[in-house]
PDB file of N, CA and C in Angstrom:
ATOM      1  N   MET A   1     -19.826   1.338 -12.137  1.00  0.00           N
ATOM      2  CA  MET A   1     -20.056   3.078 -12.127  1.00  0.00           C
ATOM      3  C   MET A   1     -21.372   3.853 -11.243  1.00  0.00           C
ATOM      4  N   ASN A   2     -22.113   3.041 -11.160  1.00  0.00           N
ATOM      5  CA  ASN A   2     -23.502   3.342 -10.225  1.00  0.00           C
ATOM      6  C   ASN A   2     -22.956   4.041  -9.154  1.00  0.00           C
ATOM      7  N   ASP A   3     -22.412   3.767  -8.651  1.00  0.00           N
ATOM      8  CA  ASP A   3     -21.702   4.538  -7.532  1.00  0.00           C
ATOM      9  C   ASP A   3     -21.163   5.718  -7.852  1.00  0.00           C
ATOM     10  N   LEU A   4     -20.858   6.253  -8.367  1.00  0.00           N
ATOM     11  CA  LEU A   4     -20.184   7.904  -9.054  1.00  0.00           C
ATOM     12  C   LEU A   4     -21.644   8.546  -8.661  1.00  0.00           C
ATOM     13  N   ALA A   5     -22.590   8.346  -8.708  1.00  0.00           N
ATOM     14  CA  ALA A   5     -23.916   9.286  -8.346  1.00  0.00           C
ATOM     15  C   ALA A   5     -23.938   8.892  -6.916  1.00  0.00           C
ATOM     16  N   LYS A   6     -23.981   7.789  -6.098  1.00  0.00           N
ATOM     17  CA  LYS A   6     -24.484   8.020  -5.011  1.00  0.00           C
ATOM     18  C   LYS A   6     -22.841   8.485  -4.376  1.00  0.00           C
ATOM     19  N   MET A   7     -21.884   7.969  -4.537  1.00  0.00           N
ATOM     20  CA  MET A   7     -20.619   8.761  -3.770  1.00  0.00           C
ATOM     21  C   MET A   7     -19.508   8.852  -4.514  1.00  0.00           C
ATOM     22  N   PRO A   8     -19.970  10.495  -5.008  1.00  0.00           N
ATOM     23  CA  PRO A   8     -18.717  10.434  -6.205  1.00  0.00           C
ATOM     24  C   PRO A   8     -17.476  10.834  -5.667  1.00  0.00           C
ATOM     25  N   THR A   9     -17.076  11.162  -4.477  1.00  0.00           N
ATOM     26  CA  THR A   9     -15.565  11.549  -4.139  1.00  0.00           C
ATOM     27  C   THR A   9     -15.174   9.870  -3.264  1.00  0.00           C
ATOM     28  N   ARG A  10     -15.648   8.961  -3.400  1.00  0.00           N
ATOM     29  CA  ARG A  10     -15.398   7.497  -2.559  1.00  0.00           C
ATOM     30  C   ARG A  10     -13.741   7.150  -3.431  1.00  0.00           C
ATOM     31  N   ASN A  11     -13.742   7.731  -4.779  1.00  0.00           N
ATOM     32  CA  ASN A  11     -12.451   6.607  -5.296  1.00  0.00           C
ATOM     33  C   ASN A  11     -11.407   8.161  -4.818  1.00  0.00           C
ATOM     34  N   ALA A  12     -10.089   7.337  -5.208  1.00  0.00           N
ATOM     35  CA  ALA A  12      -8.826   8.460  -4.816  1.00  0.00           C
ATOM     36  C   ALA A  12      -8.823   8.994  -5.696  1.00  0.00           C
ATOM     37  N   PRO A  13      -7.854  10.404  -5.450  1.00  0.00           N
ATOM     38  CA  PRO A  13      -7.534  11.025  -6.692  1.00  0.00           C
ATOM     39  C   PRO A  13      -6.582  10.960  -7.579  1.00  0.00           C
ATOM     40  N   ALA A  14      -6.800  10.910  -8.539  1.00  0.00           N
ATOM     41  CA  ALA A  14      -5.576  10.908  -9.429  1.00  0.00           C
ATOM     42  C   ALA A  14      -4.573  11.317  -9.738  1.00  0.00           C
ATOM     43  N   LYS A  15      -3.308  10.798  -9.046  1.00  0.00           N
ATOM     44  CA  LYS A  15      -1.945  11.258  -8.669  1.00  0.00           C
ATOM     45  C   LYS A  15      -1.532  11.343 -10.158  1.00  0.00           C
ATOM     46  N   GLU A  16      -1.740  11.509 -11.142  1.00  0.00           N
ATOM     47  CA  GLU A  16      -1.567  11.226 -12.583  1.00  0.00           C
ATOM     48  C   GLU A  16      -1.962  12.381 -13.148  1.00  0.00           C
ATOM     49  N   ILE A  17      -2.620  13.192 -12.517  1.00  0.00           N
ATOM     50  CA  ILE A  17      -3.146  14.518 -13.546  1.00  0.00           C
ATOM     51  C   ILE A  17      -2.627  15.718 -12.542  1.00  0.00           C
ATOM     52  N   ILE A  18      -1.549  16.579 -12.505  1.00  0.00           N
ATOM     53  CA  ILE A  18      -1.537  17.561 -11.635  1.00  0.00           C
ATOM     54  C   ILE A  18      -2.418  18.649 -12.197  1.00  0.00           C
ATOM     55  N   SER A  19      -3.601  19.567 -11.925  1.00  0.00           N
ATOM     56  CA  SER A  19      -4.277  20.636 -12.262  1.00  0.00           C
ATOM     57  C   SER A  19      -3.833  21.928 -11.723  1.00  0.00           C
ATOM     58  N   LYS A  20      -3.471  22.508 -12.797  1.00  0.00           N
ATOM     59  CA  LYS A  20      -3.110  24.211 -12.329  1.00  0.00           C
ATOM     60  C   LYS A  20      -4.116  24.704 -11.962  1.00  0.00           C
ATOM     61  N   ALA A  21      -5.260  24.610 -12.087  1.00  0.00           N
ATOM     62  CA  ALA A  21      -6.796  25.364 -11.769  1.00  0.00           C
ATOM     63  C   ALA A  21      -7.022  24.568 -10.305  1.00  0.00           C
ATOM     64  N   ASN A  22      -5.964  23.844  -9.741  1.00  0.00           N
ATOM     65  CA  ASN A  22      -6.525  23.274  -8.209  1.00  0.00           C
ATOM     66  C   ASN A  22      -7.485  22.354  -8.044  1.00  0.00           C
ATOM     67  N   ILE A  23      -8.089  21.648  -9.572  1.00  0.00           N
ATOM     68  CA  ILE A  23      -8.940  21.053  -9.394  1.00  0.00           C
ATOM     69  C   ILE A  23      -8.325  19.549  -9.460  1.00  0.00           C
ATOM     70  N   THR A  24      -9.650  18.773  -8.201  1.00  0.00           N
ATOM     71  CA  THR A  24      -9.046  17.552  -8.277  1.00  0.00           C
ATOM     72  C   THR A  24      -9.645  16.579  -8.936  1.00  0.00           C
ATOM     73  N   TYR A  25      -9.030  15.666 -10.035  1.00  0.00           N
ATOM     74  CA  TYR A  25      -9.796  14.500 -10.516  1.00  0.00           C
ATOM     75  C   TYR A  25      -9.329  13.359  -9.688  1.00  0.00           C
ATOM     76  N   ARG A  26     -10.336  12.342 -10.091  1.00  0.00           N
ATOM     77  CA  ARG A  26     -10.580  11.131  -9.348  1.00  0.00           C
ATOM     78  C   ARG A  26     -10.479   9.937 -10.426  1.00  0.00           C
ATOM     79  N   ARG A  27     -10.390   8.891  -9.822  1.00  0.00           N
ATOM     80  CA  ARG A  27     -10.322   7.489 -10.740  1.00  0.00           C
ATOM     81  C   ARG A  27     -11.217   6.256 -10.426  1.00  0.00           C
ATOM     82  N   ALA A  28     -11.794   5.723 -11.162  1.00  0.00           N
ATOM     83  CA  ALA A  28     -12.146   4.569 -10.879  1.00  0.00           C
ATOM     84  C   ALA A  28     -11.674   3.783 -11.695  1.00  0.00           C
ATOM     85  N   LEU A  29     -12.043   2.207 -11.489  1.00  0.00           N
ATOM     86  CA  LEU A  29     -11.607   0.821 -12.128  1.00  0.00           C
ATOM     87  C   LEU A  29     -13.166   0.030 -12.520  1.00  0.00           C
ATOM     88  N   SER A  30     -13.117   0.266 -13.915  1.00  0.00           N
ATOM     89  CA  SER A  30     -14.362  -0.640 -13.947  1.00  0.00           C
ATOM     90  C   SER A  30     -13.896  -1.483 -15.068  1.00  0.00           C
ATOM     91  N   MET A  31     -13.984  -2.876 -14.664  1.00  0.00           N
ATOM     92  CA  MET A  31     -13.304  -4.165 -15.808  1.00  0.00           C
ATOM     93  C   MET A  31     -11.907  -3.795 -15.627  1.00  0.00           C
ATOM     94  N   SER A  32     -11.627  -3.564 -17.178  1.00  0.00           N
ATOM     95  CA  SER A  32     -10.330  -2.998 -17.297  1.00  0.00           C
ATOM     96  C   SER A  32      -9.658  -1.672 -18.158  1.00  0.00           C
ATOM     97  N   TYR A  33     -10.862  -0.985 -17.239  1.00  0.00           N
ATOM     98  CA  TYR A  33     -10.828   0.069 -17.812  1.00  0.00           C
ATOM     99  C   TYR A  33     -10.787   1.403 -16.806  1.00  0.00           C
ATOM    100  N   ARG A  34      -9.994   2.064 -16.711  1.00  0.00           N
ATOM    101  CA  ARG A  34      -9.998   3.582 -15.733  1.00  0.00           C
ATOM    102  C   ARG A  34     -10.735   4.537 -16.480  1.00  0.00           C
ATOM    103  N   ILE A  35     -11.399   4.889 -15.375  1.00  0.00           N
ATOM    104  CA  ILE A  35     -12.172   6.199 -15.400  1.00  0.00           C
ATOM    105  C   ILE A  35     -11.678   7.521 -14.986  1.00  0.00           C
ATOM    106  N   ILE A  36     -11.241   8.554 -15.586  1.00  0.00           N
ATOM    107  CA  ILE A  36     -10.686   9.615 -14.619  1.00  0.00           C
ATOM    108  C   ILE A  36     -12.090  10.949 -14.990  1.00  0.00           C
ATOM    109  N   TYR A  37     -12.309  11.671 -13.855  1.00  0.00           N
ATOM    110  CA  TYR A  37     -13.463  12.446 -13.966  1.00  0.00           C
ATOM    111  C   TYR A  37     -13.302  13.170 -12.224  1.00  0.00           C
ATOM    112  N   LYS A  38     -13.930  14.309 -12.632  1.00  0.00           N
ATOM    113  CA  LYS A  38     -14.195  15.208 -11.289  1.00  0.00           C
ATOM    114  C   LYS A  38     -15.221  15.420 -11.227  1.00  0.00           C
ATOM    115  N   VAL A  39     -15.743  16.077  -9.759  1.00  0.00           N
ATOM    116  CA  VAL A  39     -17.038  16.346  -9.550  1.00  0.00           C
ATOM    117  C   VAL A  39     -17.245  18.045  -9.560  1.00  0.00           C
ATOM    118  N   GLU A  40     -18.399  18.284  -9.816  1.00  0.00           N
ATOM    119  CA  GLU A  40     -18.766  19.246  -9.540  1.00  0.00           C
ATOM    120  C   GLU A  40     -19.478  19.698  -8.735  1.00  0.00           C
ATOM    121  N   GLU A  41     -19.088  20.171  -7.545  1.00  0.00           N
ATOM    122  CA  GLU A  41     -19.802  19.352  -6.369  1.00  0.00           C
ATOM    123  C   GLU A  41     -21.481  20.926  -6.333  1.00  0.00           C
ATOM    124  N   ASP A  42     -20.907  21.837  -6.675  1.00  0.00           N
ATOM    125  CA  ASP A  42     -22.082  23.214  -6.703  1.00  0.00           C
ATOM    126  C   ASP A  42     -23.066  23.086  -7.750  1.00  0.00           C
ATOM    127  N   GLN A  43     -22.751  21.993  -8.741  1.00  0.00           N
ATOM    128  CA  GLN A  43     -24.164  21.313  -9.986  1.00  0.00           C
ATOM    129  C   GLN A  43     -24.259  20.283  -9.401  1.00  0.00           C
ATOM    130  N   LEU A  44     -23.868  19.881  -8.453  1.00  0.00           N
ATOM    131  CA  LEU A  44     -24.383  18.231  -8.745  1.00  0.00           C
ATOM    132  C   LEU A  44     -24.070  17.228  -9.501  1.00  0.00           C
ATOM    133  N   MET A  45     -22.673  17.403 -10.326  1.00  0.00           N
ATOM    134  CA  MET A  45     -22.492  16.983 -11.194  1.00  0.00           C
ATOM    135  C   MET A  45     -20.877  16.492 -11.600  1.00  0.00           C
ATOM    136  N   VAL A  46     -21.037  14.791 -12.086  1.00  0.00           N
ATOM    137  CA  VAL A  46     -19.895  14.294 -11.996  1.00  0.00           C
ATOM    138  C   VAL A  46     -19.415  14.393 -13.692  1.00  0.00           C
ATOM    139  N   LEU A  47     -18.196  14.679 -14.077  1.00  0.00           N
ATOM    140  CA  LEU A  47     -17.851  14.910 -15.524  1.00  0.00           C
ATOM    141  C   LEU A  47     -16.515  14.213 -15.921  1.00  0.00           C
ATOM    142  N   VAL A  48     -16.859  13.341 -16.710  1.00  0.00           N
ATOM    143  CA  VAL A  48     -16.237  12.343 -16.642  1.00  0.00           C
ATOM    144  C   VAL A  48     -14.904  13.005 -18.059  1.00  0.00           C
ATOM    145  N   VAL A  49     -13.614  12.582 -17.554  1.00  0.00           N
ATOM    146  CA  VAL A  49     -12.608  13.339 -18.329  1.00  0.00           C
ATOM    147  C   VAL A  49     -11.845  12.448 -19.443  1.00  0.00           C
ATOM    148  N   GLU A  50     -11.747  10.993 -19.054  1.00  0.00           N
ATOM    149  CA  GLU A  50     -11.022  10.292 -19.919  1.00  0.00           C
ATOM    150  C   GLU A  50     -11.402   8.729 -19.293  1.00  0.00           C
ATOM    151  N   ILE A  51     -11.511   7.889 -20.636  1.00  0.00           N
ATOM    152  CA  ILE A  51     -11.495   6.249 -20.135  1.00  0.00           C
ATOM    153  C   ILE A  51     -10.330   5.830 -21.142  1.00  0.00           C
ATOM    154  N   TYR A  52      -9.503   4.719 -20.026  1.00  0.00           N
ATOM    155  CA  TYR A  52      -8.678   4.181 -21.304  1.00  0.00           C
ATOM    156  C   TYR A  52      -8.736   2.348 -20.751  1.00  0.00           C
ATOM    157  N   HIS A  53      -8.256   1.979 -21.566  1.00  0.00           N
ATOM    158  CA  HIS A  53      -7.917   0.508 -21.692  1.00  0.00           C
ATOM    159  C   HIS A  53      -6.537   0.745 -20.338  1.00  0.00           C
ATOM    160  N   THR A  54      -6.565  -0.128 -19.178  1.00  0.00           N
ATOM    161  CA  THR A  54      -5.340  -0.205 -18.690  1.00  0.00           C
ATOM    162  C   THR A  54      -4.064  -0.491 -19.043  1.00  0.00           C
ATOM    163  N   LYS A  55      -4.451  -1.646 -19.903  1.00  0.00           N
ATOM    164  CA  LYS A  55      -3.142  -2.371 -20.822  1.00  0.00           C
ATOM    165  C   LYS A  55      -2.833  -1.953 -21.849  1.00  0.00           C
ATOM    166  N   ARG A  56      -3.359  -0.834 -22.386  1.00  0.00           N
ATOM    167  CA  ARG A  56      -2.659  -0.315 -23.400  1.00  0.00           C
ATOM    168  C   ARG A  56      -1.859   1.116 -23.026  1.00  0.00           C
ATOM    169  N   GLY A  57      -1.670   1.681 -21.597  1.00  0.00           N
ATOM    170  CA  GLY A  57      -0.992   2.367 -20.713  1.00  0.00           C
ATOM    171  C   GLY A  57      -1.854   3.801 -20.708  1.00  0.00           C
ATOM    172  N   GLU A  58      -1.173   4.684 -19.670  1.00  0.00           N
ATOM    173  CA  GLU A  58      -1.431   5.511 -19.363  1.00  0.00           C
ATOM    174  C   GLU A  58      -1.898   6.656 -20.646  1.00  0.00           C
ATOM    175  N   PRO A  59      -3.006   7.367 -21.050  1.00  0.00           N
ATOM    176  CA  PRO A  59      -2.597   8.594 -22.019  1.00  0.00           C
ATOM    177  C   PRO A  59      -1.714   9.759 -21.304  1.00  0.00           C
ATOM    178  N   THR A  60      -1.353  10.566 -22.031  1.00  0.00           N
ATOM    179  CA  THR A  60      -1.608  12.134 -21.763  1.00  0.00           C
ATOM    180  C   THR A  60      -2.873  13.172 -21.360  1.00  0.00           C
ATOM    181  N   ILE A  61      -3.144  13.186 -20.254  1.00  0.00           N
ATOM    182  CA  ILE A  61      -3.977  14.106 -20.145  1.00  0.00           C
ATOM    183  C   ILE A  61      -3.835  15.353 -19.299  1.00  0.00           C
ATOM    184  N   LYS A  62      -4.734  16.191 -20.350  1.00  0.00           N
ATOM    185  CA  LYS A  62      -4.266  17.947 -20.272  1.00  0.00           C
ATOM    186  C   LYS A  62      -4.643  18.182 -18.959  1.00  0.00           C
ATOM    187  N   ASP A  63      -4.725  19.404 -18.601  1.00  0.00           N
ATOM    188  CA  ASP A  63      -5.495  19.549 -17.327  1.00  0.00           C
ATOM    189  C   ASP A  63      -6.922  20.571 -18.371  1.00  0.00           C
ATOM    190  N   ILE A  64      -7.744  20.059 -17.846  1.00  0.00           N
ATOM    191  CA  ILE A  64      -8.993  21.114 -18.230  1.00  0.00           C
ATOM    192  C   ILE A  64      -9.570  21.951 -17.564  1.00  0.00           C
ATOM    193  N   GLU A  65      -9.595  23.359 -18.173  1.00  0.00           N
ATOM    194  CA  GLU A  65      -9.886  24.215 -16.894  1.00  0.00           C
ATOM    195  C   GLU A  65     -11.205  24.964 -17.356  1.00  0.00           C
TER     196      GLU A  65
END
């Protein structure tokens, strides 16, 4: 997860989230956990939206505006 600070756009977009506000959410995998996040480039910030265990299935993630 240290790579998020250096290259936050390296990971693929999260296809399971469709944003009404045209926000690109990305996903990263760390051990058995999936991290869903978005990059606030104007503020130089990575905002983690959801962390879940992959064996428990995908959660319902609502769009955050």
